[in-house]
Amino acid sequence: MFVGQYEHALDDKGRVVLPSPFRAFVAERGYVTLLDGCIGLWSPDDFRAVAEKWKAESEASRISMRVFRKLMNSVREVKLDAAGRITLPRELLNELGFDSQVVVSGLFDRVEIWPAEAYAADQDTEETADELAEAVARLGL
């Protein structure tokens, strides 16, 4: 399970250090693709479940084959190097406007890698604070 938030730098080659609690989940390889304003990273098993959902949606005609193809073609395999870094594909970084500062955030079954400014804008809003308070109350936490 992925939890927590970590601030890191992205080097000129598109490499980012994966926080040590996340490394075991993608020790041999992981899969990245675009998400809603960020790059998602999954372990092989978790990504398989995601890809199977996408395939089922396509087979049930809830998404077109064109969309399914675009989803699958945007996925890249990544591997940890000896320093615990992964190299993020340049096309994904460019599409989301990454600069040197990133936030690596755990989200249960995946890791999200955000441009730092975009993450702050997504999380630090009055609406987010209100939704969090409501969810905590509803869950009885």
N, C-alpha and C. Protein backbone atom coordinates (compact mmCIF):
# COMPACT_ATOMS: atom_id res chain seq x y z
N MET A 1 0.85 -1.17 0.00
CA MET A 1 0.00 0.00 0.00
C MET A 1 0.90 1.24 0.00
N PHE A 2 0.54 2.22 -0.80
CA PHE A 2 1.31 3.45 -0.92
C PHE A 2 0.64 4.55 -0.11
N VAL A 3 1.38 5.16 0.80
CA VAL A 3 0.88 6.29 1.59
C VAL A 3 2.02 7.28 1.79
N GLY A 4 1.66 8.51 2.10
CA GLY A 4 2.65 9.53 2.40
C GLY A 4 2.91 10.45 1.24
N GLN A 5 3.62 11.53 1.55
CA GLN A 5 3.95 12.56 0.56
C GLN A 5 5.41 12.96 0.75
N TYR A 6 6.13 13.06 -0.35
CA TYR A 6 7.56 13.35 -0.31
C TYR A 6 7.90 14.36 -1.39
N GLU A 7 8.71 15.34 -1.05
CA GLU A 7 9.16 16.32 -2.03
C GLU A 7 10.55 15.92 -2.52
N HIS A 8 10.71 15.95 -3.84
CA HIS A 8 11.99 15.57 -4.44
C HIS A 8 12.29 16.48 -5.62
N ALA A 9 13.52 16.38 -6.09
CA ALA A 9 13.93 17.12 -7.28
C ALA A 9 13.96 16.16 -8.47
N LEU A 10 13.66 16.70 -9.61
CA LEU A 10 13.72 15.97 -10.87
C LEU A 10 15.01 16.43 -11.56
N ASP A 11 15.87 15.51 -11.94
CA ASP A 11 17.12 15.94 -12.57
C ASP A 11 16.92 16.17 -14.07
N ASP A 12 17.97 16.62 -14.73
CA ASP A 12 17.90 16.97 -16.15
C ASP A 12 17.57 15.79 -17.05
N LYS A 13 17.81 14.59 -16.57
CA LYS A 13 17.53 13.38 -17.35
C LYS A 13 16.14 12.83 -17.08
N GLY A 14 15.34 13.54 -16.26
CA GLY A 14 13.99 13.08 -15.95
C GLY A 14 13.94 12.02 -14.86
N ARG A 15 14.99 11.94 -14.06
CA ARG A 15 15.03 10.96 -12.98
C ARG A 15 14.57 11.58 -11.67
N VAL A 16 13.84 10.78 -10.91
CA VAL A 16 13.40 11.20 -9.58
C VAL A 16 13.64 10.04 -8.62
N VAL A 17 14.08 10.40 -7.42
CA VAL A 17 14.29 9.38 -6.38
C VAL A 17 12.93 8.92 -5.91
N LEU A 18 12.74 7.63 -5.91
CA LEU A 18 11.52 7.06 -5.38
C LEU A 18 11.71 6.88 -3.87
N PRO A 19 10.81 7.41 -3.06
CA PRO A 19 10.98 7.27 -1.60
C PRO A 19 11.14 5.80 -1.21
N SER A 20 11.99 5.56 -0.23
CA SER A 20 12.31 4.18 0.14
C SER A 20 11.09 3.34 0.49
N PRO A 21 10.03 3.89 1.13
CA PRO A 21 8.87 3.02 1.40
C PRO A 21 8.18 2.49 0.14
N PHE A 22 8.38 3.15 -1.00
CA PHE A 22 7.72 2.74 -2.24
C PHE A 22 8.57 1.79 -3.07
N ARG A 23 9.85 1.74 -2.82
CA ARG A 23 10.77 0.99 -3.69
C ARG A 23 10.48 -0.50 -3.74
N ALA A 24 10.11 -1.09 -2.64
CA ALA A 24 9.87 -2.54 -2.62
C ALA A 24 8.71 -2.94 -3.53
N PHE A 25 7.74 -2.05 -3.70
CA PHE A 25 6.57 -2.37 -4.53
C PHE A 25 6.90 -2.37 -6.02
N VAL A 26 7.94 -1.65 -6.39
CA VAL A 26 8.33 -1.60 -7.80
C VAL A 26 9.81 -1.99 -7.94
N ALA A 27 10.24 -2.92 -7.11
CA ALA A 27 11.65 -3.30 -7.04
C ALA A 27 12.21 -3.72 -8.40
N GLU A 28 11.49 -4.54 -9.13
CA GLU A 28 11.99 -4.99 -10.42
C GLU A 28 11.54 -4.10 -11.56
N ARG A 29 10.30 -3.63 -11.49
CA ARG A 29 9.79 -2.72 -12.51
C ARG A 29 8.46 -2.14 -12.04
N GLY A 30 8.06 -1.08 -12.69
CA GLY A 30 6.77 -0.46 -12.44
C GLY A 30 6.24 0.07 -13.76
N TYR A 31 5.04 0.61 -13.73
CA TYR A 31 4.41 1.14 -14.94
C TYR A 31 3.91 2.54 -14.67
N VAL A 32 4.19 3.46 -15.60
CA VAL A 32 3.75 4.85 -15.47
C VAL A 32 2.90 5.25 -16.65
N THR A 33 1.98 6.18 -16.38
CA THR A 33 1.18 6.79 -17.43
C THR A 33 0.57 8.07 -16.89
N LEU A 34 -0.04 8.84 -17.77
CA LEU A 34 -0.69 10.08 -17.38
C LEU A 34 -1.95 9.81 -16.59
N LEU A 35 -2.15 10.61 -15.57
CA LEU A 35 -3.40 10.60 -14.83
C LEU A 35 -3.96 12.01 -14.86
N ASP A 36 -4.80 12.32 -13.94
CA ASP A 36 -5.44 13.63 -13.85
C ASP A 36 -4.47 14.66 -13.29
N GLY A 37 -3.62 15.22 -14.15
CA GLY A 37 -2.68 16.24 -13.72
C GLY A 37 -1.37 15.73 -13.17
N CYS A 38 -1.15 14.42 -13.20
CA CYS A 38 0.07 13.85 -12.65
C CYS A 38 0.45 12.60 -13.43
N ILE A 39 1.55 11.99 -13.02
CA ILE A 39 1.98 10.71 -13.58
C ILE A 39 1.68 9.64 -12.53
N GLY A 40 0.98 8.61 -12.92
CA GLY A 40 0.69 7.49 -12.02
C GLY A 40 1.75 6.42 -12.17
N LEU A 41 2.11 5.80 -11.06
CA LEU A 41 3.07 4.70 -11.03
C LEU A 41 2.45 3.54 -10.28
N TRP A 42 2.46 2.36 -10.91
CA TRP A 42 1.89 1.15 -10.31
C TRP A 42 2.94 0.05 -10.26
N SER A 43 2.76 -0.84 -9.30
CA SER A 43 3.52 -2.08 -9.30
C SER A 43 2.97 -2.94 -10.44
N PRO A 44 3.71 -3.97 -10.86
CA PRO A 44 3.20 -4.82 -11.94
C PRO A 44 1.83 -5.43 -11.64
N ASP A 45 1.63 -5.94 -10.44
CA ASP A 45 0.34 -6.57 -10.11
C ASP A 45 -0.79 -5.55 -10.11
N ASP A 46 -0.54 -4.39 -9.51
CA ASP A 46 -1.59 -3.36 -9.47
C ASP A 46 -1.89 -2.81 -10.85
N PHE A 47 -0.84 -2.66 -11.68
CA PHE A 47 -1.11 -2.17 -13.03
C PHE A 47 -1.88 -3.19 -13.84
N ARG A 48 -1.61 -4.45 -13.65
CA ARG A 48 -2.36 -5.50 -14.36
C ARG A 48 -3.85 -5.34 -14.07
N ALA A 49 -4.21 -5.09 -12.82
CA ALA A 49 -5.62 -4.90 -12.45
C ALA A 49 -6.20 -3.67 -13.15
N VAL A 50 -5.42 -2.60 -13.23
CA VAL A 50 -5.88 -1.38 -13.92
C VAL A 50 -6.09 -1.67 -15.40
N ALA A 51 -5.12 -2.31 -16.03
CA ALA A 51 -5.22 -2.61 -17.46
C ALA A 51 -6.41 -3.53 -17.75
N GLU A 52 -6.67 -4.47 -16.85
CA GLU A 52 -7.82 -5.36 -17.04
C GLU A 52 -9.13 -4.58 -16.94
N LYS A 53 -9.19 -3.59 -16.06
CA LYS A 53 -10.39 -2.73 -15.98
C LYS A 53 -10.57 -1.95 -17.28
N TRP A 54 -9.46 -1.39 -17.78
CA TRP A 54 -9.55 -0.66 -19.05
C TRP A 54 -10.03 -1.58 -20.16
N LYS A 55 -9.51 -2.79 -20.21
CA LYS A 55 -9.91 -3.75 -21.24
C LYS A 55 -11.39 -4.09 -21.12
N ALA A 56 -11.86 -4.33 -19.89
CA ALA A 56 -13.28 -4.64 -19.67
C ALA A 56 -14.16 -3.47 -20.11
N GLU A 57 -13.72 -2.25 -19.82
CA GLU A 57 -14.49 -1.07 -20.25
C GLU A 57 -14.57 -1.00 -21.77
N SER A 58 -13.48 -1.36 -22.43
CA SER A 58 -13.47 -1.36 -23.89
C SER A 58 -14.38 -2.46 -24.44
N GLU A 59 -14.28 -3.64 -23.87
CA GLU A 59 -15.10 -4.75 -24.35
C GLU A 59 -16.58 -4.50 -24.13
N ALA A 60 -16.93 -3.75 -23.10
CA ALA A 60 -18.33 -3.42 -22.81
C ALA A 60 -18.78 -2.15 -23.55
N SER A 61 -17.90 -1.62 -24.39
CA SER A 61 -18.16 -0.41 -25.18
C SER A 61 -18.43 0.83 -24.32
N ARG A 62 -17.90 0.85 -23.10
CA ARG A 62 -18.02 2.05 -22.27
C ARG A 62 -16.90 3.03 -22.59
N ILE A 63 -15.81 2.51 -23.16
CA ILE A 63 -14.79 3.36 -23.78
C ILE A 63 -14.50 2.75 -25.15
N SER A 64 -14.14 3.61 -26.07
CA SER A 64 -13.88 3.12 -27.43
C SER A 64 -12.53 2.41 -27.50
N MET A 65 -12.38 1.62 -28.54
CA MET A 65 -11.10 0.96 -28.77
C MET A 65 -10.02 2.01 -28.96
N ARG A 66 -10.36 3.13 -29.56
CA ARG A 66 -9.40 4.22 -29.76
C ARG A 66 -8.88 4.73 -28.42
N VAL A 67 -9.77 4.92 -27.46
CA VAL A 67 -9.37 5.39 -26.13
C VAL A 67 -8.56 4.31 -25.41
N PHE A 68 -9.00 3.07 -25.49
CA PHE A 68 -8.26 1.97 -24.87
C PHE A 68 -6.84 1.90 -25.44
N ARG A 69 -6.74 2.02 -26.74
CA ARG A 69 -5.43 1.99 -27.40
C ARG A 69 -4.57 3.15 -26.91
N LYS A 70 -5.15 4.35 -26.82
CA LYS A 70 -4.39 5.52 -26.35
C LYS A 70 -3.93 5.32 -24.91
N LEU A 71 -4.81 4.78 -24.07
CA LEU A 71 -4.43 4.50 -22.69
C LEU A 71 -3.24 3.55 -22.63
N MET A 72 -3.35 2.44 -23.32
CA MET A 72 -2.30 1.43 -23.28
C MET A 72 -1.00 1.92 -23.92
N ASN A 73 -1.11 2.71 -24.98
CA ASN A 73 0.08 3.20 -25.66
C ASN A 73 0.81 4.29 -24.89
N SER A 74 0.13 4.89 -23.91
CA SER A 74 0.78 5.93 -23.11
C SER A 74 1.55 5.35 -21.92
N VAL A 75 1.40 4.06 -21.68
CA VAL A 75 2.05 3.41 -20.54
C VAL A 75 3.51 3.11 -20.88
N ARG A 76 4.39 3.33 -19.89
CA ARG A 76 5.80 3.00 -20.04
C ARG A 76 6.25 2.19 -18.84
N GLU A 77 7.13 1.24 -19.08
CA GLU A 77 7.73 0.48 -17.99
C GLU A 77 8.92 1.27 -17.47
N VAL A 78 9.07 1.31 -16.15
CA VAL A 78 10.21 1.96 -15.53
C VAL A 78 10.89 0.99 -14.58
N LYS A 79 12.18 1.20 -14.38
CA LYS A 79 12.95 0.35 -13.47
C LYS A 79 13.75 1.23 -12.52
N LEU A 80 13.91 0.76 -11.30
CA LEU A 80 14.75 1.45 -10.33
C LEU A 80 16.21 1.29 -10.71
N ASP A 81 16.98 2.37 -10.59
CA ASP A 81 18.42 2.24 -10.76
C ASP A 81 19.06 2.01 -9.39
N ALA A 82 20.37 1.90 -9.35
CA ALA A 82 21.08 1.60 -8.10
C ALA A 82 20.90 2.68 -7.04
N ALA A 83 20.56 3.90 -7.46
CA ALA A 83 20.35 5.01 -6.53
C ALA A 83 18.89 5.14 -6.09
N GLY A 84 18.02 4.20 -6.51
CA GLY A 84 16.61 4.25 -6.13
C GLY A 84 15.80 5.24 -6.94
N ARG A 85 16.28 5.56 -8.16
CA ARG A 85 15.59 6.51 -9.02
C ARG A 85 14.87 5.78 -10.15
N ILE A 86 13.81 6.43 -10.64
CA ILE A 86 13.18 5.99 -11.87
C ILE A 86 13.30 7.14 -12.87
N THR A 87 13.37 6.79 -14.14
CA THR A 87 13.42 7.80 -15.19
C THR A 87 12.02 7.92 -15.77
N LEU A 88 11.48 9.13 -15.68
CA LEU A 88 10.13 9.39 -16.20
C LEU A 88 10.23 9.76 -17.67
N PRO A 89 9.34 9.24 -18.49
CA PRO A 89 9.39 9.53 -19.93
C PRO A 89 9.24 11.03 -20.21
N ARG A 90 10.11 11.54 -21.05
CA ARG A 90 10.13 12.96 -21.39
C ARG A 90 8.78 13.44 -21.91
N GLU A 91 8.09 12.62 -22.72
CA GLU A 91 6.81 13.06 -23.27
C GLU A 91 5.76 13.28 -22.18
N LEU A 92 5.80 12.47 -21.12
CA LEU A 92 4.86 12.66 -20.01
C LEU A 92 5.22 13.91 -19.23
N LEU A 93 6.51 14.12 -18.98
CA LEU A 93 6.96 15.31 -18.26
C LEU A 93 6.59 16.59 -19.02
N ASN A 94 6.80 16.57 -20.31
CA ASN A 94 6.48 17.74 -21.12
C ASN A 94 4.99 18.02 -21.15
N GLU A 95 4.20 16.97 -21.29
CA GLU A 95 2.75 17.17 -21.38
C GLU A 95 2.19 17.80 -20.12
N LEU A 96 2.77 17.48 -18.97
CA LEU A 96 2.27 18.01 -17.70
C LEU A 96 3.04 19.23 -17.21
N GLY A 97 4.04 19.68 -17.94
CA GLY A 97 4.77 20.88 -17.57
C GLY A 97 5.61 20.75 -16.32
N PHE A 98 6.27 19.61 -16.15
CA PHE A 98 7.14 19.41 -14.99
C PHE A 98 8.33 20.34 -15.07
N ASP A 99 8.75 20.85 -13.89
CA ASP A 99 10.04 21.52 -13.78
C ASP A 99 10.87 20.73 -12.78
N SER A 100 11.72 21.37 -12.02
CA SER A 100 12.66 20.61 -11.19
C SER A 100 12.10 20.07 -9.89
N GLN A 101 11.01 20.62 -9.38
CA GLN A 101 10.47 20.17 -8.10
C GLN A 101 9.22 19.32 -8.30
N VAL A 102 9.20 18.16 -7.63
CA VAL A 102 8.05 17.25 -7.74
C VAL A 102 7.60 16.82 -6.36
N VAL A 103 6.37 16.35 -6.30
CA VAL A 103 5.83 15.72 -5.10
C VAL A 103 5.49 14.29 -5.47
N VAL A 104 6.01 13.36 -4.69
CA VAL A 104 5.73 11.94 -4.87
C VAL A 104 4.77 11.57 -3.75
N SER A 105 3.58 11.14 -4.13
CA SER A 105 2.50 10.95 -3.17
C SER A 105 1.92 9.55 -3.29
N GLY A 106 1.72 8.88 -2.14
CA GLY A 106 1.11 7.57 -2.14
C GLY A 106 -0.39 7.68 -2.17
N LEU A 107 -1.02 6.88 -3.00
CA LEU A 107 -2.48 6.88 -3.09
C LEU A 107 -2.99 5.45 -3.15
N PHE A 108 -2.84 4.74 -2.01
CA PHE A 108 -3.31 3.39 -1.79
C PHE A 108 -2.66 2.37 -2.73
N ASP A 109 -3.17 2.24 -3.96
CA ASP A 109 -2.65 1.21 -4.86
C ASP A 109 -1.72 1.76 -5.93
N ARG A 110 -1.38 3.03 -5.82
CA ARG A 110 -0.49 3.64 -6.80
C ARG A 110 0.27 4.79 -6.16
N VAL A 111 1.30 5.23 -6.87
CA VAL A 111 2.05 6.42 -6.51
C VAL A 111 1.70 7.48 -7.55
N GLU A 112 1.55 8.71 -7.10
CA GLU A 112 1.34 9.81 -8.02
C GLU A 112 2.56 10.73 -7.95
N ILE A 113 3.04 11.14 -9.12
CA ILE A 113 4.18 12.05 -9.21
C ILE A 113 3.67 13.33 -9.86
N TRP A 114 3.71 14.40 -9.09
CA TRP A 114 3.11 15.67 -9.48
C TRP A 114 4.17 16.76 -9.67
N PRO A 115 3.94 17.68 -10.62
CA PRO A 115 4.71 18.92 -10.57
C PRO A 115 4.36 19.59 -9.23
N ALA A 116 5.34 20.08 -8.49
CA ALA A 116 5.11 20.59 -7.14
C ALA A 116 4.03 21.67 -7.10
N GLU A 117 4.06 22.59 -8.04
CA GLU A 117 3.07 23.67 -8.04
C GLU A 117 1.66 23.14 -8.29
N ALA A 118 1.53 22.20 -9.19
CA ALA A 118 0.22 21.62 -9.49
C ALA A 118 -0.32 20.86 -8.29
N TYR A 119 0.55 20.16 -7.57
CA TYR A 119 0.11 19.43 -6.38
C TYR A 119 -0.39 20.39 -5.33
N ALA A 120 0.35 21.46 -5.10
CA ALA A 120 -0.07 22.45 -4.11
C ALA A 120 -1.42 23.06 -4.49
N ALA A 121 -1.59 23.36 -5.76
CA ALA A 121 -2.86 23.94 -6.21
C ALA A 121 -4.02 22.96 -6.05
N ASP A 122 -3.75 21.67 -6.25
CA ASP A 122 -4.79 20.65 -6.12
C ASP A 122 -5.17 20.40 -4.66
N GLN A 123 -4.19 20.43 -3.77
CA GLN A 123 -4.41 20.07 -2.37
C GLN A 123 -4.76 21.23 -1.47
N ASP A 124 -4.21 22.39 -1.73
CA ASP A 124 -4.33 23.52 -0.82
C ASP A 124 -5.47 24.45 -1.21
N THR A 125 -6.68 23.91 -1.23
CA THR A 125 -7.84 24.74 -1.55
C THR A 125 -8.85 24.63 -0.42
N GLU A 126 -9.69 25.62 -0.34
CA GLU A 126 -10.76 25.61 0.67
C GLU A 126 -11.72 24.46 0.39
N GLU A 127 -11.97 24.20 -0.88
CA GLU A 127 -12.87 23.10 -1.26
C GLU A 127 -12.32 21.76 -0.78
N THR A 128 -11.00 21.54 -0.95
CA THR A 128 -10.38 20.30 -0.49
C THR A 128 -10.49 20.17 1.01
N ALA A 129 -10.25 21.27 1.74
CA ALA A 129 -10.36 21.24 3.21
C ALA A 129 -11.78 20.91 3.64
N ASP A 130 -12.77 21.47 2.96
CA ASP A 130 -14.17 21.18 3.29
C ASP A 130 -14.50 19.72 3.00
N GLU A 131 -14.05 19.20 1.86
CA GLU A 131 -14.31 17.80 1.52
C GLU A 131 -13.65 16.86 2.51
N LEU A 132 -12.43 17.19 2.95
CA LEU A 132 -11.73 16.36 3.92
C LEU A 132 -12.48 16.34 5.25
N ALA A 133 -12.92 17.49 5.71
CA ALA A 133 -13.66 17.56 6.97
C ALA A 133 -14.94 16.74 6.89
N GLU A 134 -15.64 16.83 5.75
CA GLU A 134 -16.87 16.07 5.56
C GLU A 134 -16.59 14.57 5.55
N ALA A 135 -15.53 14.14 4.84
CA ALA A 135 -15.19 12.73 4.76
C ALA A 135 -14.80 12.17 6.13
N VAL A 136 -14.02 12.92 6.88
CA VAL A 136 -13.61 12.48 8.22
C VAL A 136 -14.83 12.31 9.12
N ALA A 137 -15.75 13.26 9.04
CA ALA A 137 -16.96 13.17 9.86
C ALA A 137 -17.82 11.97 9.43
N ARG A 138 -17.98 11.78 8.12
CA ARG A 138 -18.80 10.68 7.61
C ARG A 138 -18.22 9.33 7.98
N LEU A 139 -16.90 9.22 7.98
CA LEU A 139 -16.24 7.97 8.31
C LEU A 139 -16.09 7.75 9.81
N GLY A 140 -16.41 8.76 10.59
CA GLY A 140 -16.33 8.64 12.04
C GLY A 140 -14.91 8.58 12.55
N LEU A 141 -14.01 9.25 11.88
CA LEU A 141 -12.59 9.25 12.29
C LEU A 141 -12.29 10.39 13.24
